[in-house]
Amino acid sequence: MFGNTDFCSCETAGWVPVEKSNRQYCWHSSVVDYEVGAALVLQPSCDDEDMLEITAVPLADLQEQTLELIGTSVNGNPYGLGSKKQPVHCLVPHGCIQIRNPPPVNFQQLCSWFQESSEGRVEGIVWHCNDGTLIKIHRHHLGLRWPDGETCLANRPVVIRLEGTIDTYSSSKGLLSSFFPLNGHRFSRLQDVEYEL
């Protein structure tokens, strides 16, 4: 959850506060601009369900959500974002990327789906049950590697969509100001965004 001075990051054992002035969280801080009051977020496009968008989301709109940082310097960069010279990071709200044809909850069928389906090239899947129960399965629960080749997310088309004017982001010290000149640009793959920054 986001607050005025810090936000949270996913860790193995749970959620921990991310302090904006702590260098340990420099990549988290690169996607959040506290003066503008927004964070750089990757989410499904509102115009096309097959396309993703990178957009600036007001911090107030991210309250009561969990988000995962992805990018160049995170978890071996399975999505192929950016480079050491031009790192690219963004936050992804958990649950925002829907799976159209989820596999049955059966060991063999789950293993096959993760290994053979284009939708299965993900780290894990969460089922939202009618009674509010969530069931989460990661590839490693099934003895499968992650990352393992191309990922589903990295190969999806993406559009950069930032509201406002250049003045809105001119004082930004993070990635928001870097992304503004790309506003409206479409890329055939998420991985291609790095070549334009």
N, C-alpha and C. Protein backbone atom coordinates (compact mmCIF):
# COMPACT_ATOMS: atom_id res chain seq x y z
N MET A 1 0.83 -1.17 0.00
CA MET A 1 0.00 0.00 0.00
C MET A 1 0.88 1.24 0.00
N PHE A 2 0.40 2.28 -0.61
CA PHE A 2 1.17 3.51 -0.72
C PHE A 2 0.74 4.49 0.35
N GLY A 3 1.67 5.27 0.82
CA GLY A 3 1.38 6.34 1.75
C GLY A 3 2.07 7.60 1.26
N ASN A 4 2.07 8.63 2.06
CA ASN A 4 2.70 9.88 1.65
C ASN A 4 4.20 9.76 1.59
N THR A 5 4.81 8.95 2.44
CA THR A 5 6.26 8.91 2.49
C THR A 5 6.86 7.57 2.12
N ASP A 6 6.09 6.52 2.10
CA ASP A 6 6.66 5.24 1.71
C ASP A 6 5.58 4.34 1.13
N PHE A 7 6.02 3.26 0.52
CA PHE A 7 5.09 2.28 -0.02
C PHE A 7 5.68 0.91 0.22
N CYS A 8 5.02 -0.13 -0.24
CA CYS A 8 5.44 -1.49 0.09
C CYS A 8 5.92 -2.24 -1.14
N SER A 9 6.76 -3.20 -0.87
CA SER A 9 7.31 -4.06 -1.91
C SER A 9 7.13 -5.50 -1.49
N CYS A 10 6.94 -6.37 -2.45
CA CYS A 10 6.78 -7.79 -2.14
C CYS A 10 8.13 -8.40 -1.77
N GLU A 11 8.17 -9.08 -0.68
CA GLU A 11 9.34 -9.83 -0.24
C GLU A 11 8.89 -11.29 -0.07
N THR A 12 9.82 -12.19 0.07
CA THR A 12 9.48 -13.60 0.19
C THR A 12 8.52 -13.87 1.36
N ALA A 13 8.79 -13.24 2.50
CA ALA A 13 7.99 -13.53 3.68
C ALA A 13 6.79 -12.61 3.84
N GLY A 14 6.62 -11.58 3.02
CA GLY A 14 5.48 -10.69 3.16
C GLY A 14 5.78 -9.31 2.62
N TRP A 15 5.10 -8.33 3.15
CA TRP A 15 5.22 -6.95 2.68
C TRP A 15 6.03 -6.14 3.67
N VAL A 16 6.93 -5.34 3.15
CA VAL A 16 7.76 -4.49 4.01
C VAL A 16 7.68 -3.06 3.51
N PRO A 17 7.83 -2.08 4.41
CA PRO A 17 7.81 -0.68 3.97
C PRO A 17 9.02 -0.37 3.09
N VAL A 18 8.80 0.47 2.09
CA VAL A 18 9.87 0.94 1.22
C VAL A 18 10.07 2.41 1.54
N GLU A 19 11.24 2.72 2.05
CA GLU A 19 11.54 4.10 2.42
C GLU A 19 12.14 4.82 1.22
N LYS A 20 11.56 5.95 0.85
CA LYS A 20 11.99 6.62 -0.38
C LYS A 20 13.43 7.11 -0.32
N SER A 21 13.98 7.36 0.85
CA SER A 21 15.36 7.86 0.93
C SER A 21 16.39 6.74 1.13
N ASN A 22 15.96 5.49 1.26
CA ASN A 22 16.84 4.36 1.47
C ASN A 22 17.34 3.85 0.11
N ARG A 23 18.67 3.85 -0.09
CA ARG A 23 19.25 3.43 -1.37
C ARG A 23 18.91 1.98 -1.72
N GLN A 24 18.59 1.19 -0.71
CA GLN A 24 18.21 -0.20 -0.96
C GLN A 24 16.99 -0.27 -1.88
N TYR A 25 16.17 0.76 -1.86
CA TYR A 25 14.95 0.79 -2.66
C TYR A 25 15.04 1.77 -3.82
N CYS A 26 16.24 1.98 -4.35
CA CYS A 26 16.43 2.98 -5.41
C CYS A 26 15.60 2.66 -6.66
N TRP A 27 15.42 1.39 -6.99
CA TRP A 27 14.65 1.06 -8.19
C TRP A 27 13.17 1.28 -7.96
N HIS A 28 12.70 1.02 -6.74
CA HIS A 28 11.31 1.34 -6.41
C HIS A 28 11.10 2.85 -6.53
N SER A 29 12.06 3.60 -5.99
CA SER A 29 11.94 5.06 -6.00
C SER A 29 12.00 5.63 -7.41
N SER A 30 12.65 4.94 -8.33
CA SER A 30 12.76 5.45 -9.70
C SER A 30 11.41 5.49 -10.41
N VAL A 31 10.43 4.71 -9.95
CA VAL A 31 9.11 4.67 -10.61
C VAL A 31 8.06 5.47 -9.86
N VAL A 32 8.43 6.05 -8.72
CA VAL A 32 7.48 6.83 -7.93
C VAL A 32 7.98 8.27 -7.85
N ASP A 33 7.10 9.20 -8.14
CA ASP A 33 7.42 10.62 -8.00
C ASP A 33 6.48 11.19 -6.94
N TYR A 34 7.03 11.46 -5.76
CA TYR A 34 6.22 11.94 -4.65
C TYR A 34 5.75 13.36 -4.87
N GLU A 35 6.52 14.19 -5.58
CA GLU A 35 6.10 15.57 -5.85
C GLU A 35 4.93 15.60 -6.83
N VAL A 36 5.01 14.80 -7.87
CA VAL A 36 3.91 14.70 -8.82
C VAL A 36 2.76 13.91 -8.21
N GLY A 37 3.09 12.97 -7.30
CA GLY A 37 2.07 12.14 -6.66
C GLY A 37 1.61 11.00 -7.53
N ALA A 38 2.55 10.42 -8.31
CA ALA A 38 2.18 9.35 -9.24
C ALA A 38 3.29 8.31 -9.32
N ALA A 39 2.91 7.14 -9.81
CA ALA A 39 3.86 6.04 -10.02
C ALA A 39 3.70 5.52 -11.45
N LEU A 40 4.79 5.03 -12.00
CA LEU A 40 4.79 4.44 -13.34
C LEU A 40 4.29 3.00 -13.22
N VAL A 41 3.17 2.71 -13.86
CA VAL A 41 2.49 1.42 -13.69
C VAL A 41 2.26 0.77 -15.05
N LEU A 42 2.48 -0.53 -15.10
CA LEU A 42 2.16 -1.35 -16.27
C LEU A 42 0.85 -2.04 -15.98
N GLN A 43 -0.12 -1.90 -16.89
CA GLN A 43 -1.44 -2.48 -16.69
C GLN A 43 -2.08 -2.75 -18.05
N PRO A 44 -3.18 -3.49 -18.09
CA PRO A 44 -3.86 -3.70 -19.37
C PRO A 44 -4.36 -2.36 -19.91
N SER A 45 -4.35 -2.21 -21.22
CA SER A 45 -4.84 -0.99 -21.84
C SER A 45 -6.36 -0.94 -21.75
N CYS A 46 -6.89 0.25 -21.54
CA CYS A 46 -8.34 0.40 -21.48
C CYS A 46 -8.96 0.33 -22.88
N ASP A 47 -8.15 0.46 -23.94
CA ASP A 47 -8.65 0.45 -25.31
C ASP A 47 -8.62 -0.92 -25.98
N ASP A 48 -7.71 -1.79 -25.54
CA ASP A 48 -7.49 -3.06 -26.23
C ASP A 48 -7.05 -4.09 -25.21
N GLU A 49 -7.83 -5.14 -25.02
CA GLU A 49 -7.52 -6.13 -23.98
C GLU A 49 -6.25 -6.91 -24.25
N ASP A 50 -5.76 -6.91 -25.48
CA ASP A 50 -4.52 -7.61 -25.80
C ASP A 50 -3.28 -6.74 -25.59
N MET A 51 -3.49 -5.44 -25.41
CA MET A 51 -2.38 -4.50 -25.28
C MET A 51 -2.19 -4.09 -23.82
N LEU A 52 -0.93 -3.83 -23.48
CA LEU A 52 -0.61 -3.28 -22.16
C LEU A 52 -0.38 -1.78 -22.31
N GLU A 53 -0.40 -1.07 -21.18
CA GLU A 53 -0.03 0.34 -21.21
C GLU A 53 0.85 0.65 -20.02
N ILE A 54 1.81 1.54 -20.26
CA ILE A 54 2.61 2.08 -19.18
C ILE A 54 2.07 3.48 -18.96
N THR A 55 1.63 3.74 -17.75
CA THR A 55 0.96 4.99 -17.45
C THR A 55 1.35 5.51 -16.06
N ALA A 56 1.09 6.78 -15.82
CA ALA A 56 1.31 7.36 -14.50
C ALA A 56 -0.01 7.28 -13.74
N VAL A 57 0.01 6.58 -12.62
CA VAL A 57 -1.19 6.40 -11.81
C VAL A 57 -1.02 7.19 -10.52
N PRO A 58 -2.02 8.01 -10.15
CA PRO A 58 -1.93 8.74 -8.88
C PRO A 58 -1.73 7.78 -7.71
N LEU A 59 -0.85 8.16 -6.80
CA LEU A 59 -0.58 7.30 -5.63
C LEU A 59 -1.86 7.01 -4.86
N ALA A 60 -2.76 7.97 -4.80
CA ALA A 60 -4.02 7.76 -4.07
C ALA A 60 -4.83 6.61 -4.68
N ASP A 61 -4.70 6.39 -5.99
CA ASP A 61 -5.44 5.30 -6.65
C ASP A 61 -4.81 3.94 -6.39
N LEU A 62 -3.61 3.92 -5.84
CA LEU A 62 -2.92 2.66 -5.57
C LEU A 62 -3.08 2.19 -4.13
N GLN A 63 -3.81 2.96 -3.34
CA GLN A 63 -4.07 2.57 -1.96
C GLN A 63 -4.78 1.22 -1.91
N GLU A 64 -4.48 0.45 -0.89
CA GLU A 64 -5.13 -0.85 -0.65
C GLU A 64 -4.87 -1.86 -1.77
N GLN A 65 -3.80 -1.67 -2.54
CA GLN A 65 -3.42 -2.64 -3.56
C GLN A 65 -2.03 -3.17 -3.24
N THR A 66 -1.73 -4.31 -3.82
CA THR A 66 -0.35 -4.80 -3.78
C THR A 66 0.17 -4.72 -5.20
N LEU A 67 1.44 -4.35 -5.32
CA LEU A 67 2.07 -4.17 -6.62
C LEU A 67 3.42 -4.83 -6.61
N GLU A 68 3.86 -5.24 -7.78
CA GLU A 68 5.17 -5.87 -7.90
C GLU A 68 6.05 -5.02 -8.81
N LEU A 69 7.28 -4.77 -8.38
CA LEU A 69 8.24 -4.04 -9.19
C LEU A 69 8.87 -5.02 -10.17
N ILE A 70 8.87 -4.65 -11.46
CA ILE A 70 9.55 -5.44 -12.47
C ILE A 70 10.52 -4.52 -13.21
N GLY A 71 11.54 -5.10 -13.81
CA GLY A 71 12.44 -4.29 -14.61
C GLY A 71 13.86 -4.79 -14.63
N THR A 72 14.72 -3.94 -15.15
CA THR A 72 16.11 -4.25 -15.42
C THR A 72 16.84 -4.86 -14.24
N SER A 73 16.65 -4.30 -13.05
CA SER A 73 17.44 -4.69 -11.88
C SER A 73 16.67 -5.53 -10.88
N VAL A 74 15.62 -6.21 -11.33
CA VAL A 74 14.76 -6.96 -10.42
C VAL A 74 14.68 -8.43 -10.83
N ASN A 75 15.01 -9.32 -9.92
CA ASN A 75 14.83 -10.77 -10.10
C ASN A 75 15.37 -11.32 -11.42
N GLY A 76 16.52 -10.82 -11.85
CA GLY A 76 17.13 -11.31 -13.07
C GLY A 76 16.45 -10.82 -14.34
N ASN A 77 15.52 -9.87 -14.21
CA ASN A 77 14.86 -9.24 -15.36
C ASN A 77 14.25 -10.24 -16.35
N PRO A 78 13.32 -11.09 -15.90
CA PRO A 78 12.74 -12.09 -16.81
C PRO A 78 11.95 -11.48 -17.96
N TYR A 79 11.58 -10.20 -17.87
CA TYR A 79 10.79 -9.56 -18.92
C TYR A 79 11.65 -8.82 -19.93
N GLY A 80 12.96 -8.80 -19.72
CA GLY A 80 13.88 -8.19 -20.68
C GLY A 80 13.73 -6.68 -20.80
N LEU A 81 13.40 -6.00 -19.72
CA LEU A 81 13.19 -4.55 -19.77
C LEU A 81 14.49 -3.78 -19.62
N GLY A 82 14.70 -2.81 -20.48
CA GLY A 82 15.82 -1.89 -20.35
C GLY A 82 17.18 -2.54 -20.46
N SER A 83 18.18 -1.79 -20.00
CA SER A 83 19.56 -2.25 -20.01
C SER A 83 20.28 -1.58 -18.85
N LYS A 84 21.50 -2.00 -18.58
CA LYS A 84 22.26 -1.36 -17.49
C LYS A 84 22.46 0.13 -17.78
N LYS A 85 22.63 0.47 -19.05
CA LYS A 85 22.82 1.87 -19.43
C LYS A 85 21.51 2.66 -19.30
N GLN A 86 20.40 2.05 -19.63
CA GLN A 86 19.09 2.68 -19.54
C GLN A 86 18.11 1.73 -18.84
N PRO A 87 18.19 1.66 -17.50
CA PRO A 87 17.28 0.77 -16.78
C PRO A 87 15.82 1.21 -16.90
N VAL A 88 14.95 0.25 -17.03
CA VAL A 88 13.51 0.50 -17.10
C VAL A 88 12.84 -0.34 -16.02
N HIS A 89 12.02 0.30 -15.21
CA HIS A 89 11.27 -0.37 -14.15
C HIS A 89 9.85 0.16 -14.15
N CYS A 90 8.92 -0.63 -13.66
CA CYS A 90 7.55 -0.17 -13.44
C CYS A 90 6.88 -1.10 -12.44
N LEU A 91 5.76 -0.66 -11.93
CA LEU A 91 4.98 -1.44 -10.98
C LEU A 91 3.84 -2.12 -11.72
N VAL A 92 3.53 -3.34 -11.32
CA VAL A 92 2.40 -4.08 -11.90
C VAL A 92 1.46 -4.44 -10.76
N PRO A 93 0.22 -3.93 -10.79
CA PRO A 93 -0.76 -4.30 -9.75
C PRO A 93 -1.06 -5.80 -9.83
N HIS A 94 -1.00 -6.47 -8.69
CA HIS A 94 -1.34 -7.89 -8.68
C HIS A 94 -2.79 -8.08 -9.09
N GLY A 95 -3.01 -9.04 -9.96
CA GLY A 95 -4.36 -9.38 -10.41
C GLY A 95 -4.86 -8.59 -11.60
N CYS A 96 -4.05 -7.65 -12.11
CA CYS A 96 -4.56 -6.83 -13.22
C CYS A 96 -4.46 -7.54 -14.56
N ILE A 97 -3.58 -8.51 -14.69
CA ILE A 97 -3.43 -9.24 -15.95
C ILE A 97 -4.25 -10.53 -15.84
N GLN A 98 -5.33 -10.58 -16.60
CA GLN A 98 -6.24 -11.72 -16.54
C GLN A 98 -5.78 -12.84 -17.46
N ILE A 99 -6.03 -14.06 -17.06
CA ILE A 99 -5.74 -15.23 -17.88
C ILE A 99 -7.07 -15.71 -18.45
N ARG A 100 -7.13 -15.81 -19.76
CA ARG A 100 -8.40 -16.13 -20.42
C ARG A 100 -8.79 -17.60 -20.28
N ASN A 101 -7.80 -18.47 -20.39
CA ASN A 101 -8.08 -19.91 -20.35
C ASN A 101 -7.25 -20.57 -19.28
N PRO A 102 -7.59 -20.32 -18.00
CA PRO A 102 -6.78 -20.92 -16.94
C PRO A 102 -6.92 -22.44 -16.93
N PRO A 103 -5.85 -23.11 -16.52
CA PRO A 103 -5.89 -24.57 -16.48
C PRO A 103 -6.69 -25.06 -15.28
N PRO A 104 -7.16 -26.30 -15.33
CA PRO A 104 -7.80 -26.89 -14.15
C PRO A 104 -6.75 -27.06 -13.04
N VAL A 105 -7.21 -27.11 -11.82
CA VAL A 105 -6.30 -27.31 -10.68
C VAL A 105 -6.02 -28.80 -10.57
N ASN A 106 -5.08 -29.23 -11.41
CA ASN A 106 -4.66 -30.62 -11.50
C ASN A 106 -3.17 -30.59 -11.79
N PHE A 107 -2.37 -31.33 -11.05
CA PHE A 107 -0.92 -31.25 -11.14
C PHE A 107 -0.42 -31.39 -12.58
N GLN A 108 -0.81 -32.46 -13.26
CA GLN A 108 -0.31 -32.70 -14.62
C GLN A 108 -0.75 -31.62 -15.59
N GLN A 109 -2.02 -31.21 -15.49
CA GLN A 109 -2.52 -30.20 -16.41
C GLN A 109 -1.89 -28.83 -16.13
N LEU A 110 -1.62 -28.53 -14.86
CA LEU A 110 -0.93 -27.28 -14.53
C LEU A 110 0.49 -27.29 -15.09
N CYS A 111 1.20 -28.39 -14.90
CA CYS A 111 2.56 -28.50 -15.44
C CYS A 111 2.56 -28.32 -16.95
N SER A 112 1.64 -28.98 -17.64
CA SER A 112 1.55 -28.86 -19.09
C SER A 112 1.23 -27.42 -19.50
N TRP A 113 0.30 -26.78 -18.79
CA TRP A 113 -0.08 -25.40 -19.11
C TRP A 113 1.11 -24.46 -18.95
N PHE A 114 1.82 -24.55 -17.85
CA PHE A 114 2.98 -23.69 -17.62
C PHE A 114 4.08 -23.92 -18.67
N GLN A 115 4.21 -25.14 -19.16
CA GLN A 115 5.29 -25.46 -20.09
C GLN A 115 4.90 -25.30 -21.55
N GLU A 116 3.62 -25.46 -21.89
CA GLU A 116 3.23 -25.52 -23.30
C GLU A 116 2.35 -24.37 -23.77
N SER A 117 1.62 -23.74 -22.89
CA SER A 117 0.69 -22.68 -23.29
C SER A 117 1.42 -21.33 -23.35
N SER A 118 1.07 -20.50 -24.34
CA SER A 118 1.67 -19.16 -24.40
C SER A 118 1.24 -18.33 -23.18
N GLU A 119 0.01 -18.53 -22.71
CA GLU A 119 -0.45 -17.84 -21.48
C GLU A 119 0.28 -18.35 -20.25
N GLY A 120 0.81 -19.56 -20.31
CA GLY A 120 1.49 -20.18 -19.18
C GLY A 120 2.92 -19.73 -18.98
N ARG A 121 3.42 -18.86 -19.85
CA ARG A 121 4.78 -18.35 -19.69
C ARG A 121 4.77 -17.20 -18.67
N VAL A 122 4.30 -17.53 -17.47
CA VAL A 122 4.19 -16.58 -16.35
C VAL A 122 4.82 -17.21 -15.12
N GLU A 123 5.06 -16.37 -14.12
CA GLU A 123 5.67 -16.85 -12.87
C GLU A 123 4.69 -17.67 -12.04
N GLY A 124 3.41 -17.29 -12.09
CA GLY A 124 2.41 -17.99 -11.30
C GLY A 124 1.02 -17.56 -11.70
N ILE A 125 0.04 -18.15 -11.03
CA ILE A 125 -1.36 -17.85 -11.32
C ILE A 125 -2.12 -17.84 -10.00
N VAL A 126 -3.13 -16.99 -9.92
CA VAL A 126 -3.99 -16.90 -8.72
C VAL A 126 -5.43 -17.10 -9.17
N TRP A 127 -6.12 -18.03 -8.54
CA TRP A 127 -7.54 -18.23 -8.78
C TRP A 127 -8.31 -17.43 -7.73
N HIS A 128 -9.34 -16.71 -8.18
CA HIS A 128 -10.22 -15.96 -7.29
C HIS A 128 -11.53 -16.74 -7.18
N CYS A 129 -11.74 -17.37 -6.04
CA CYS A 129 -12.92 -18.22 -5.85
C CYS A 129 -14.14 -17.38 -5.47
N ASN A 130 -15.33 -17.93 -5.72
CA ASN A 130 -16.58 -17.22 -5.43
C ASN A 130 -16.72 -16.83 -3.97
N ASP A 131 -16.13 -17.61 -3.05
CA ASP A 131 -16.25 -17.31 -1.62
C ASP A 131 -15.18 -16.34 -1.12
N GLY A 132 -14.37 -15.78 -2.06
CA GLY A 132 -13.33 -14.83 -1.68
C GLY A 132 -11.97 -15.46 -1.45
N THR A 133 -11.91 -16.79 -1.45
CA THR A 133 -10.64 -17.49 -1.26
C THR A 133 -9.75 -17.28 -2.49
N LEU A 134 -8.47 -17.08 -2.23
CA LEU A 134 -7.49 -16.98 -3.31
C LEU A 134 -6.58 -18.19 -3.26
N ILE A 135 -6.33 -18.80 -4.40
CA ILE A 135 -5.42 -19.93 -4.50
C ILE A 135 -4.29 -19.52 -5.44
N LYS A 136 -3.07 -19.57 -4.92
CA LYS A 136 -1.91 -19.08 -5.68
C LYS A 136 -0.94 -20.23 -5.92
N ILE A 137 -0.53 -20.39 -7.18
CA ILE A 137 0.45 -21.42 -7.52
C ILE A 137 1.55 -20.77 -8.35
N HIS A 138 2.77 -20.92 -7.88
CA HIS A 138 3.95 -20.47 -8.61
C HIS A 138 4.53 -21.67 -9.36
N ARG A 139 5.29 -21.39 -10.38
CA ARG A 139 5.96 -22.46 -11.12
C ARG A 139 6.82 -23.32 -10.18
N HIS A 140 7.51 -22.67 -9.23
CA HIS A 140 8.41 -23.44 -8.36
C HIS A 140 7.64 -24.41 -7.46
N HIS A 141 6.34 -24.17 -7.22
CA HIS A 141 5.53 -25.13 -6.46
C HIS A 141 5.41 -26.46 -7.19
N LEU A 142 5.57 -26.39 -8.51
CA LEU A 142 5.45 -27.58 -9.35
C LEU A 142 6.80 -28.12 -9.80
N GLY A 143 7.88 -27.51 -9.26
CA GLY A 143 9.23 -27.94 -9.64
C GLY A 143 9.68 -27.39 -10.98
N LEU A 144 9.03 -26.33 -11.45
CA LEU A 144 9.37 -25.73 -12.74
C LEU A 144 10.21 -24.47 -12.55
N ARG A 145 11.08 -24.19 -13.50
CA ARG A 145 11.97 -23.03 -13.42
C ARG A 145 11.24 -21.73 -13.76
N TRP A 146 11.78 -20.64 -13.22
CA TRP A 146 11.36 -19.29 -13.61
C TRP A 146 12.56 -18.38 -13.52
N PRO A 147 12.85 -17.62 -14.52
CA PRO A 147 12.20 -17.65 -15.83
C PRO A 147 12.66 -18.86 -16.63
N ASP A 148 11.90 -19.17 -17.63
CA ASP A 148 12.22 -20.30 -18.50
C ASP A 148 11.88 -19.91 -19.93
N GLY A 149 12.79 -19.19 -20.57
CA GLY A 149 12.57 -18.74 -21.94
C GLY A 149 11.75 -17.46 -21.99
N GLU A 150 11.10 -17.24 -23.11
CA GLU A 150 10.30 -16.04 -23.32
C GLU A 150 9.13 -16.01 -22.33
N THR A 151 8.78 -14.81 -21.89
CA THR A 151 7.64 -14.67 -20.99
C THR A 151 6.44 -14.10 -21.75
N CYS A 152 5.27 -14.41 -21.28
CA CYS A 152 4.03 -13.93 -21.89
C CYS A 152 3.97 -12.40 -21.86
N LEU A 153 4.32 -11.81 -20.76
CA LEU A 153 4.24 -10.35 -20.58
C LEU A 153 5.21 -9.62 -21.51
N ALA A 154 6.41 -10.11 -21.66
CA ALA A 154 7.45 -9.42 -22.45
C ALA A 154 7.08 -9.31 -23.92
N ASN A 155 6.27 -10.21 -24.41
CA ASN A 155 5.95 -10.23 -25.83
C ASN A 155 4.61 -9.57 -26.17
N ARG A 156 3.97 -8.96 -25.20
CA ARG A 156 2.70 -8.28 -25.47
C ARG A 156 2.96 -6.86 -25.95
N PRO A 157 2.12 -6.34 -26.86
CA PRO A 157 2.29 -4.96 -27.31
C PRO A 157 1.97 -4.00 -26.17
N VAL A 158 2.57 -2.81 -26.24
CA VAL A 158 2.40 -1.83 -25.16
C VAL A 158 2.32 -0.43 -25.75
N VAL A 159 1.55 0.42 -25.09
CA VAL A 159 1.46 1.83 -25.44
C VAL A 159 1.84 2.64 -24.21
N ILE A 160 2.52 3.76 -24.44
CA ILE A 160 2.86 4.67 -23.35
C ILE A 160 1.74 5.71 -23.29
N ARG A 161 1.12 5.86 -22.12
CA ARG A 161 -0.01 6.77 -21.98
C ARG A 161 0.15 7.59 -20.69
N LEU A 162 0.65 8.82 -20.84
CA LEU A 162 0.84 9.71 -19.70
C LEU A 162 -0.03 10.95 -19.88
N GLU A 163 -0.90 11.20 -18.91
CA GLU A 163 -1.78 12.37 -18.96
C GLU A 163 -1.01 13.61 -18.54
N GLY A 164 -1.47 14.76 -18.95
CA GLY A 164 -0.85 16.01 -18.53
C GLY A 164 0.07 16.58 -19.60
N THR A 165 0.88 17.56 -19.20
CA THR A 165 1.80 18.22 -20.11
C THR A 165 3.23 17.93 -19.66
N ILE A 166 4.18 18.35 -20.47
CA ILE A 166 5.59 18.16 -20.11
C ILE A 166 5.89 18.85 -18.79
N ASP A 167 5.20 19.97 -18.51
CA ASP A 167 5.41 20.67 -17.24
C ASP A 167 5.03 19.80 -16.05
N THR A 168 4.05 18.93 -16.24
CA THR A 168 3.63 18.03 -15.17
C THR A 168 4.79 17.17 -14.69
N TYR A 169 5.64 16.73 -15.63
CA TYR A 169 6.70 15.79 -15.32
C TYR A 169 8.10 16.39 -15.37
N SER A 170 8.22 17.68 -15.69
CA SER A 170 9.54 18.27 -15.88
C SER A 170 10.39 18.25 -14.63
N SER A 171 9.78 18.31 -13.45
CA SER A 171 10.57 18.28 -12.21
C SER A 171 10.80 16.85 -11.70
N SER A 172 10.24 15.87 -12.39
CA SER A 172 10.36 14.49 -11.95
C SER A 172 11.82 14.03 -12.04
N LYS A 173 12.27 13.38 -10.99
CA LYS A 173 13.64 12.88 -10.97
C LYS A 173 13.69 11.39 -11.33
N GLY A 174 12.56 10.78 -11.53
CA GLY A 174 12.51 9.36 -11.85
C GLY A 174 12.23 9.12 -13.32
N LEU A 175 11.65 7.97 -13.60
CA LEU A 175 11.40 7.58 -14.98
C LEU A 175 10.23 8.31 -15.63
N LEU A 176 9.37 8.95 -14.84
CA LEU A 176 8.21 9.62 -15.43
C LEU A 176 8.63 10.64 -16.48
N SER A 177 9.63 11.46 -16.19
CA SER A 177 10.06 12.47 -17.16
C SER A 177 10.70 11.81 -18.39
N SER A 178 11.39 10.68 -18.21
CA SER A 178 11.98 9.97 -19.34
C SER A 178 10.92 9.38 -20.26
N PHE A 179 9.81 8.96 -19.68
CA PHE A 179 8.76 8.33 -20.47
C PHE A 179 7.86 9.35 -21.18
N PHE A 180 7.80 10.59 -20.70
CA PHE A 180 6.86 11.55 -21.30
C PHE A 180 7.09 11.76 -22.80
N PRO A 181 8.35 11.88 -23.29
CA PRO A 181 8.52 12.04 -24.74
C PRO A 181 7.98 10.86 -25.56
N LEU A 182 7.77 9.72 -24.91
CA LEU A 182 7.24 8.54 -25.59
C LEU A 182 5.71 8.47 -25.53
N ASN A 183 5.08 9.49 -24.93
CA ASN A 183 3.63 9.48 -24.76
C ASN A 183 2.92 9.24 -26.09
N GLY A 184 2.06 8.24 -26.12
CA GLY A 184 1.31 7.89 -27.32
C GLY A 184 1.99 6.88 -28.21
N HIS A 185 3.27 6.61 -27.98
CA HIS A 185 3.99 5.62 -28.80
C HIS A 185 3.49 4.21 -28.49
N ARG A 186 3.42 3.41 -29.53
CA ARG A 186 3.05 2.00 -29.40
C ARG A 186 4.25 1.16 -29.79
N PHE A 187 4.44 0.08 -29.07
CA PHE A 187 5.54 -0.83 -29.32
C PHE A 187 4.97 -2.23 -29.50
N SER A 188 5.56 -3.00 -30.41
CA SER A 188 5.03 -4.34 -30.68
C SER A 188 5.29 -5.30 -29.53
N ARG A 189 6.33 -5.01 -28.72
CA ARG A 189 6.64 -5.84 -27.55
C ARG A 189 7.07 -4.95 -26.41
N LEU A 190 6.77 -5.34 -25.19
CA LEU A 190 7.18 -4.61 -24.00
C LEU A 190 8.70 -4.44 -24.00
N GLN A 191 9.43 -5.46 -24.42
CA GLN A 191 10.89 -5.41 -24.44
C GLN A 191 11.44 -4.31 -25.34
N ASP A 192 10.69 -3.86 -26.32
CA ASP A 192 11.17 -2.86 -27.27
C ASP A 192 11.18 -1.44 -26.71
N VAL A 193 10.55 -1.21 -25.59
CA VAL A 193 10.48 0.14 -25.02
C VAL A 193 11.87 0.69 -24.75
N GLU A 194 12.81 -0.13 -24.31
CA GLU A 194 14.16 0.34 -23.97
C GLU A 194 14.87 1.02 -25.12
N TYR A 195 14.60 0.63 -26.33
CA TYR A 195 15.33 1.16 -27.47
C TYR A 195 14.97 2.59 -27.80
N GLU A 196 13.90 3.09 -27.24
CA GLU A 196 13.45 4.44 -27.54
C GLU A 196 13.78 5.46 -26.45
N LEU A 197 14.15 5.02 -25.25
CA LEU A 197 14.39 5.96 -24.16
C LEU A 197 15.69 6.73 -24.36
